[in-house]
Amino acid sequence: MNEVWYVIGLVAVSVAVLVLGVWFVRREIRDQISPAPLLWTGYAIVAAFVVFGVLRTSWVVLS
């Protein structure tokens, strides 16, 4: 059962990171700090790593 709670915590932290990332990108675009395509591309790369890490870690822990 501890493994399930570990995965739940991991998913919760990952969702928080993804939500904060979207908030940050939207704020930067609104304030016209950086070009939007560059920010969204960077966010997509980070989001892909986060999702891949969560899926891979969850698979290993729950297997």
PDB file of N, CA and C in Angstrom:
ATOM      1  N   MET A   1       0.817  -1.199   0.000  1.00  0.00           N
ATOM      2  CA  MET A   1       0.000   0.000   0.000  1.00  0.00           C
ATOM      3  C   MET A   1       0.861   1.264   0.000  1.00  0.00           C
ATOM      4  N   ASN A   2       2.055   1.189   0.572  1.00  0.00           N
ATOM      5  CA  ASN A   2       2.935   2.352   0.570  1.00  0.00           C
ATOM      6  C   ASN A   2       3.308   2.772  -0.842  1.00  0.00           C
ATOM      7  N   GLU A   3       3.422   1.791  -1.741  1.00  0.00           N
ATOM      8  CA  GLU A   3       3.773   2.107  -3.121  1.00  0.00           C
ATOM      9  C   GLU A   3       2.691   2.946  -3.786  1.00  0.00           C
ATOM     10  N   VAL A   4       1.443   2.630  -3.486  1.00  0.00           N
ATOM     11  CA  VAL A   4       0.327   3.374  -4.073  1.00  0.00           C
ATOM     12  C   VAL A   4       0.367   4.822  -3.599  1.00  0.00           C
ATOM     13  N   TRP A   5       0.618   5.042  -2.309  1.00  0.00           N
ATOM     14  CA  TRP A   5       0.700   6.408  -1.790  1.00  0.00           C
ATOM     15  C   TRP A   5       1.886   7.153  -2.381  1.00  0.00           C
ATOM     16  N   TYR A   6       2.971   6.440  -2.618  1.00  0.00           N
ATOM     17  CA  TYR A   6       4.137   7.055  -3.256  1.00  0.00           C
ATOM     18  C   TYR A   6       3.767   7.568  -4.646  1.00  0.00           C
ATOM     19  N   VAL A   7       3.083   6.739  -5.412  1.00  0.00           N
ATOM     20  CA  VAL A   7       2.681   7.117  -6.770  1.00  0.00           C
ATOM     21  C   VAL A   7       1.676   8.266  -6.726  1.00  0.00           C
ATOM     22  N   ILE A   8       0.733   8.222  -5.781  1.00  0.00           N
ATOM     23  CA  ILE A   8      -0.242   9.303  -5.658  1.00  0.00           C
ATOM     24  C   ILE A   8       0.468  10.622  -5.350  1.00  0.00           C
ATOM     25  N   GLY A   9       1.429  10.590  -4.445  1.00  0.00           N
ATOM     26  CA  GLY A   9       2.195  11.788  -4.127  1.00  0.00           C
ATOM     27  C   GLY A   9       2.999  12.289  -5.313  1.00  0.00           C
ATOM     28  N   LEU A  10       3.598  11.356  -6.040  1.00  0.00           N
ATOM     29  CA  LEU A  10       4.384  11.713  -7.219  1.00  0.00           C
ATOM     30  C   LEU A  10       3.511  12.381  -8.280  1.00  0.00           C
ATOM     31  N   VAL A  11       2.344  11.822  -8.505  1.00  0.00           N
ATOM     32  CA  VAL A  11       1.418  12.398  -9.492  1.00  0.00           C
ATOM     33  C   VAL A  11       0.950  13.778  -9.029  1.00  0.00           C
ATOM     34  N   ALA A  12       0.664  13.931  -7.740  1.00  0.00           N
ATOM     35  CA  ALA A  12       0.211  15.223  -7.225  1.00  0.00           C
ATOM     36  C   ALA A  12       1.280  16.303  -7.398  1.00  0.00           C
ATOM     37  N   VAL A  13       2.514  15.976  -7.080  1.00  0.00           N
ATOM     38  CA  VAL A  13       3.610  16.939  -7.244  1.00  0.00           C
ATOM     39  C   VAL A  13       3.806  17.261  -8.719  1.00  0.00           C
ATOM     40  N   SER A  14       3.723  16.271  -9.574  1.00  0.00           N
ATOM     41  CA  SER A  14       3.903  16.487 -11.010  1.00  0.00           C
ATOM     42  C   SER A  14       2.803  17.369 -11.587  1.00  0.00           C
ATOM     43  N   VAL A  15       1.579  17.152 -11.167  1.00  0.00           N
ATOM     44  CA  VAL A  15       0.474  17.994 -11.632  1.00  0.00           C
ATOM     45  C   VAL A  15       0.691  19.429 -11.167  1.00  0.00           C
ATOM     46  N   ALA A  16       1.155  19.603  -9.936  1.00  0.00           N
ATOM     47  CA  ALA A  16       1.432  20.947  -9.430  1.00  0.00           C
ATOM     48  C   ALA A  16       2.513  21.631 -10.265  1.00  0.00           C
ATOM     49  N   VAL A  17       3.558  20.891 -10.626  1.00  0.00           N
ATOM     50  CA  VAL A  17       4.634  21.448 -11.447  1.00  0.00           C
ATOM     51  C   VAL A  17       4.095  21.856 -12.825  1.00  0.00           C
ATOM     52  N   LEU A  18       3.271  21.017 -13.417  1.00  0.00           N
ATOM     53  CA  LEU A  18       2.718  21.330 -14.735  1.00  0.00           C
ATOM     54  C   LEU A  18       1.796  22.548 -14.675  1.00  0.00           C
ATOM     55  N   VAL A  19       0.979  22.646 -13.641  1.00  0.00           N
ATOM     56  CA  VAL A  19       0.074  23.788 -13.498  1.00  0.00           C
ATOM     57  C   VAL A  19       0.870  25.073 -13.275  1.00  0.00           C
ATOM     58  N   LEU A  20       1.877  25.011 -12.419  1.00  0.00           N
ATOM     59  CA  LEU A  20       2.715  26.195 -12.202  1.00  0.00           C
ATOM     60  C   LEU A  20       3.449  26.601 -13.474  1.00  0.00           C
ATOM     61  N   GLY A  21       3.833  25.623 -14.279  1.00  0.00           N
ATOM     62  CA  GLY A  21       4.484  25.923 -15.549  1.00  0.00           C
ATOM     63  C   GLY A  21       3.568  26.674 -16.494  1.00  0.00           C
ATOM     64  N   VAL A  22       2.318  26.230 -16.587  1.00  0.00           N
ATOM     65  CA  VAL A  22       1.348  26.925 -17.437  1.00  0.00           C
ATOM     66  C   VAL A  22       1.112  28.338 -16.914  1.00  0.00           C
ATOM     67  N   TRP A  23       0.996  28.480 -15.601  1.00  0.00           N
ATOM     68  CA  TRP A  23       0.810  29.807 -15.010  1.00  0.00           C
ATOM     69  C   TRP A  23       1.992  30.723 -15.345  1.00  0.00           C
ATOM     70  N   PHE A  24       3.197  30.198 -15.211  1.00  0.00           N
ATOM     71  CA  PHE A  24       4.392  30.990 -15.485  1.00  0.00           C
ATOM     72  C   PHE A  24       4.452  31.420 -16.952  1.00  0.00           C
ATOM     73  N   VAL A  25       4.201  30.497 -17.869  1.00  0.00           N
ATOM     74  CA  VAL A  25       4.257  30.822 -19.301  1.00  0.00           C
ATOM     75  C   VAL A  25       3.210  31.871 -19.647  1.00  0.00           C
ATOM     76  N   ARG A  26       1.996  31.696 -19.142  1.00  0.00           N
ATOM     77  CA  ARG A  26       0.943  32.672 -19.443  1.00  0.00           C
ATOM     78  C   ARG A  26       1.280  34.049 -18.876  1.00  0.00           C
ATOM     79  N   ARG A  27       1.879  34.084 -17.677  1.00  0.00           N
ATOM     80  CA  ARG A  27       2.264  35.362 -17.076  1.00  0.00           C
ATOM     81  C   ARG A  27       3.360  36.045 -17.892  1.00  0.00           C
ATOM     82  N   GLU A  28       4.331  35.263 -18.325  1.00  0.00           N
ATOM     83  CA  GLU A  28       5.423  35.826 -19.126  1.00  0.00           C
ATOM     84  C   GLU A  28       4.903  36.360 -20.457  1.00  0.00           C
ATOM     85  N   ILE A  29       3.983  35.650 -21.074  1.00  0.00           N
ATOM     86  CA  ILE A  29       3.411  36.098 -22.345  1.00  0.00           C
ATOM     87  C   ILE A  29       2.579  37.366 -22.119  1.00  0.00           C
ATOM     88  N   ARG A  30       1.786  37.379 -21.048  1.00  0.00           N
ATOM     89  CA  ARG A  30       0.963  38.547 -20.754  1.00  0.00           C
ATOM     90  C   ARG A  30       1.821  39.790 -20.530  1.00  0.00           C
ATOM     91  N   ASP A  31       2.922  39.610 -19.818  1.00  0.00           N
ATOM     92  CA  ASP A  31       3.818  40.738 -19.546  1.00  0.00           C
ATOM     93  C   ASP A  31       4.769  41.025 -20.707  1.00  0.00           C
ATOM     94  N   GLN A  32       4.663  40.232 -21.757  1.00  0.00           N
ATOM     95  CA  GLN A  32       5.475  40.376 -22.970  1.00  0.00           C
ATOM     96  C   GLN A  32       6.971  40.378 -22.655  1.00  0.00           C
ATOM     97  N   ILE A  33       7.361  39.438 -21.803  1.00  0.00           N
ATOM     98  CA  ILE A  33       8.769  39.297 -21.423  1.00  0.00           C
ATOM     99  C   ILE A  33       9.536  38.521 -22.496  1.00  0.00           C
ATOM    100  N   SER A  34       8.960  37.426 -22.939  1.00  0.00           N
ATOM    101  CA  SER A  34       9.626  36.543 -23.903  1.00  0.00           C
ATOM    102  C   SER A  34       8.650  36.178 -25.018  1.00  0.00           C
ATOM    103  N   PRO A  35       9.170  35.724 -26.160  1.00  0.00           N
ATOM    104  CA  PRO A  35       8.281  35.314 -27.264  1.00  0.00           C
ATOM    105  C   PRO A  35       7.486  34.054 -26.906  1.00  0.00           C
ATOM    106  N   ALA A  36       6.225  34.072 -27.215  1.00  0.00           N
ATOM    107  CA  ALA A  36       5.323  32.980 -26.841  1.00  0.00           C
ATOM    108  C   ALA A  36       5.732  31.619 -27.397  1.00  0.00           C
ATOM    109  N   PRO A  37       6.067  31.500 -28.691  1.00  0.00           N
ATOM    110  CA  PRO A  37       6.421  30.163 -29.203  1.00  0.00           C
ATOM    111  C   PRO A  37       7.614  29.542 -28.468  1.00  0.00           C
ATOM    112  N   LEU A  38       8.578  30.369 -28.126  1.00  0.00           N
ATOM    113  CA  LEU A  38       9.750  29.864 -27.414  1.00  0.00           C
ATOM    114  C   LEU A  38       9.360  29.360 -26.026  1.00  0.00           C
ATOM    115  N   LEU A  39       8.529  30.111 -25.332  1.00  0.00           N
ATOM    116  CA  LEU A  39       8.092  29.695 -23.997  1.00  0.00           C
ATOM    117  C   LEU A  39       7.273  28.417 -24.038  1.00  0.00           C
ATOM    118  N   TRP A  40       6.328  28.335 -24.986  1.00  0.00           N
ATOM    119  CA  TRP A  40       5.495  27.133 -25.064  1.00  0.00           C
ATOM    120  C   TRP A  40       6.314  25.916 -25.477  1.00  0.00           C
ATOM    121  N   THR A  41       7.312  26.113 -26.331  1.00  0.00           N
ATOM    122  CA  THR A  41       8.183  25.000 -26.718  1.00  0.00           C
ATOM    123  C   THR A  41       8.976  24.496 -25.517  1.00  0.00           C
ATOM    124  N   GLY A  42       9.526  25.420 -24.762  1.00  0.00           N
ATOM    125  CA  GLY A  42      10.262  25.038 -23.557  1.00  0.00           C
ATOM    126  C   GLY A  42       9.367  24.330 -22.559  1.00  0.00           C
ATOM    127  N   TYR A  43       8.154  24.842 -22.386  1.00  0.00           N
ATOM    128  CA  TYR A  43       7.216  24.203 -21.464  1.00  0.00           C
ATOM    129  C   TYR A  43       6.852  22.805 -21.941  1.00  0.00           C
ATOM    130  N   ALA A  44       6.642  22.643 -23.238  1.00  0.00           N
ATOM    131  CA  ALA A  44       6.287  21.329 -23.773  1.00  0.00           C
ATOM    132  C   ALA A  44       7.401  20.316 -23.534  1.00  0.00           C
ATOM    133  N   ILE A  45       8.638  20.733 -23.658  1.00  0.00           N
ATOM    134  CA  ILE A  45       9.766  19.839 -23.414  1.00  0.00           C
ATOM    135  C   ILE A  45       9.811  19.434 -21.941  1.00  0.00           C
ATOM    136  N   VAL A  46       9.691  20.408 -21.062  1.00  0.00           N
ATOM    137  CA  VAL A  46       9.699  20.106 -19.622  1.00  0.00           C
ATOM    138  C   VAL A  46       8.512  19.232 -19.257  1.00  0.00           C
ATOM    139  N   ALA A  47       7.336  19.538 -19.779  1.00  0.00           N
ATOM    140  CA  ALA A  47       6.146  18.744 -19.491  1.00  0.00           C
ATOM    141  C   ALA A  47       6.311  17.306 -19.971  1.00  0.00           C
ATOM    142  N   ALA A  48       6.920  17.121 -21.132  1.00  0.00           N
ATOM    143  CA  ALA A  48       7.144  15.765 -21.645  1.00  0.00           C
ATOM    144  C   ALA A  48       8.062  14.979 -20.709  1.00  0.00           C
ATOM    145  N   PHE A  49       9.124  15.622 -20.224  1.00  0.00           N
ATOM    146  CA  PHE A  49      10.015  14.947 -19.274  1.00  0.00           C
ATOM    147  C   PHE A  49       9.294  14.613 -17.969  1.00  0.00           C
ATOM    148  N   VAL A  50       8.475  15.519 -17.472  1.00  0.00           N
ATOM    149  CA  VAL A  50       7.747  15.276 -16.230  1.00  0.00           C
ATOM    150  C   VAL A  50       6.781  14.114 -16.402  1.00  0.00           C
ATOM    151  N   VAL A  51       6.005  14.116 -17.465  1.00  0.00           N
ATOM    152  CA  VAL A  51       5.038  13.046 -17.700  1.00  0.00           C
ATOM    153  C   VAL A  51       5.752  11.714 -17.909  1.00  0.00           C
ATOM    154  N   PHE A  52       6.813  11.710 -18.695  1.00  0.00           N
ATOM    155  CA  PHE A  52       7.574  10.475 -18.912  1.00  0.00           C
ATOM    156  C   PHE A  52       8.136   9.947 -17.585  1.00  0.00           C
ATOM    157  N   GLY A  53       8.676  10.852 -16.775  1.00  0.00           N
ATOM    158  CA  GLY A  53       9.229  10.436 -15.490  1.00  0.00           C
ATOM    159  C   GLY A  53       8.176   9.855 -14.572  1.00  0.00           C
ATOM    160  N   VAL A  54       7.008  10.477 -14.531  1.00  0.00           N
ATOM    161  CA  VAL A  54       5.926   9.966 -13.684  1.00  0.00           C
ATOM    162  C   VAL A  54       5.465   8.598 -14.169  1.00  0.00           C
ATOM    163  N   LEU A  55       5.272   8.459 -15.465  1.00  0.00           N
ATOM    164  CA  LEU A  55       4.810   7.173 -15.996  1.00  0.00           C
ATOM    165  C   LEU A  55       5.841   6.067 -15.763  1.00  0.00           C
ATOM    166  N   ARG A  56       7.083   6.373 -16.018  1.00  0.00           N
ATOM    167  CA  ARG A  56       8.126   5.355 -15.857  1.00  0.00           C
ATOM    168  C   ARG A  56       8.310   4.981 -14.389  1.00  0.00           C
ATOM    169  N   THR A  57       8.349   5.974 -13.514  1.00  0.00           N
ATOM    170  CA  THR A  57       8.511   5.693 -12.093  1.00  0.00           C
ATOM    171  C   THR A  57       7.303   4.935 -11.545  1.00  0.00           C
ATOM    172  N   SER A  58       6.106   5.335 -11.952  1.00  0.00           N
ATOM    173  CA  SER A  58       4.898   4.641 -11.499  1.00  0.00           C
ATOM    174  C   SER A  58       4.899   3.189 -11.955  1.00  0.00           C
ATOM    175  N   TRP A  59       5.306   2.958 -13.194  1.00  0.00           N
ATOM    176  CA  TRP A  59       5.369   1.600 -13.727  1.00  0.00           C
ATOM    177  C   TRP A  59       6.340   0.744 -12.917  1.00  0.00           C
ATOM    178  N   VAL A  60       7.509   1.284 -12.628  1.00  0.00           N
ATOM    179  CA  VAL A  60       8.522   0.538 -11.887  1.00  0.00           C
ATOM    180  C   VAL A  60       8.063   0.278 -10.459  1.00  0.00           C
ATOM    181  N   VAL A  61       7.491   1.272  -9.812  1.00  0.00           N
ATOM    182  CA  VAL A  61       7.088   1.125  -8.425  1.00  0.00           C
ATOM    183  C   VAL A  61       5.920   0.142  -8.286  1.00  0.00           C
ATOM    184  N   LEU A  62       4.968   0.220  -9.190  1.00  0.00           N
ATOM    185  CA  LEU A  62       3.771  -0.623  -9.069  1.00  0.00           C
ATOM    186  C   LEU A  62       3.947  -2.013  -9.674  1.00  0.00           C
ATOM    187  N   SER A  63       5.023  -2.241 -10.381  1.00  0.00           N
ATOM    188  CA  SER A  63       5.240  -3.577 -10.980  1.00  0.00           C
ATOM    189  C   SER A  63       5.707  -4.575  -9.962  1.00  0.00           C
TER     190      SER A  63
END
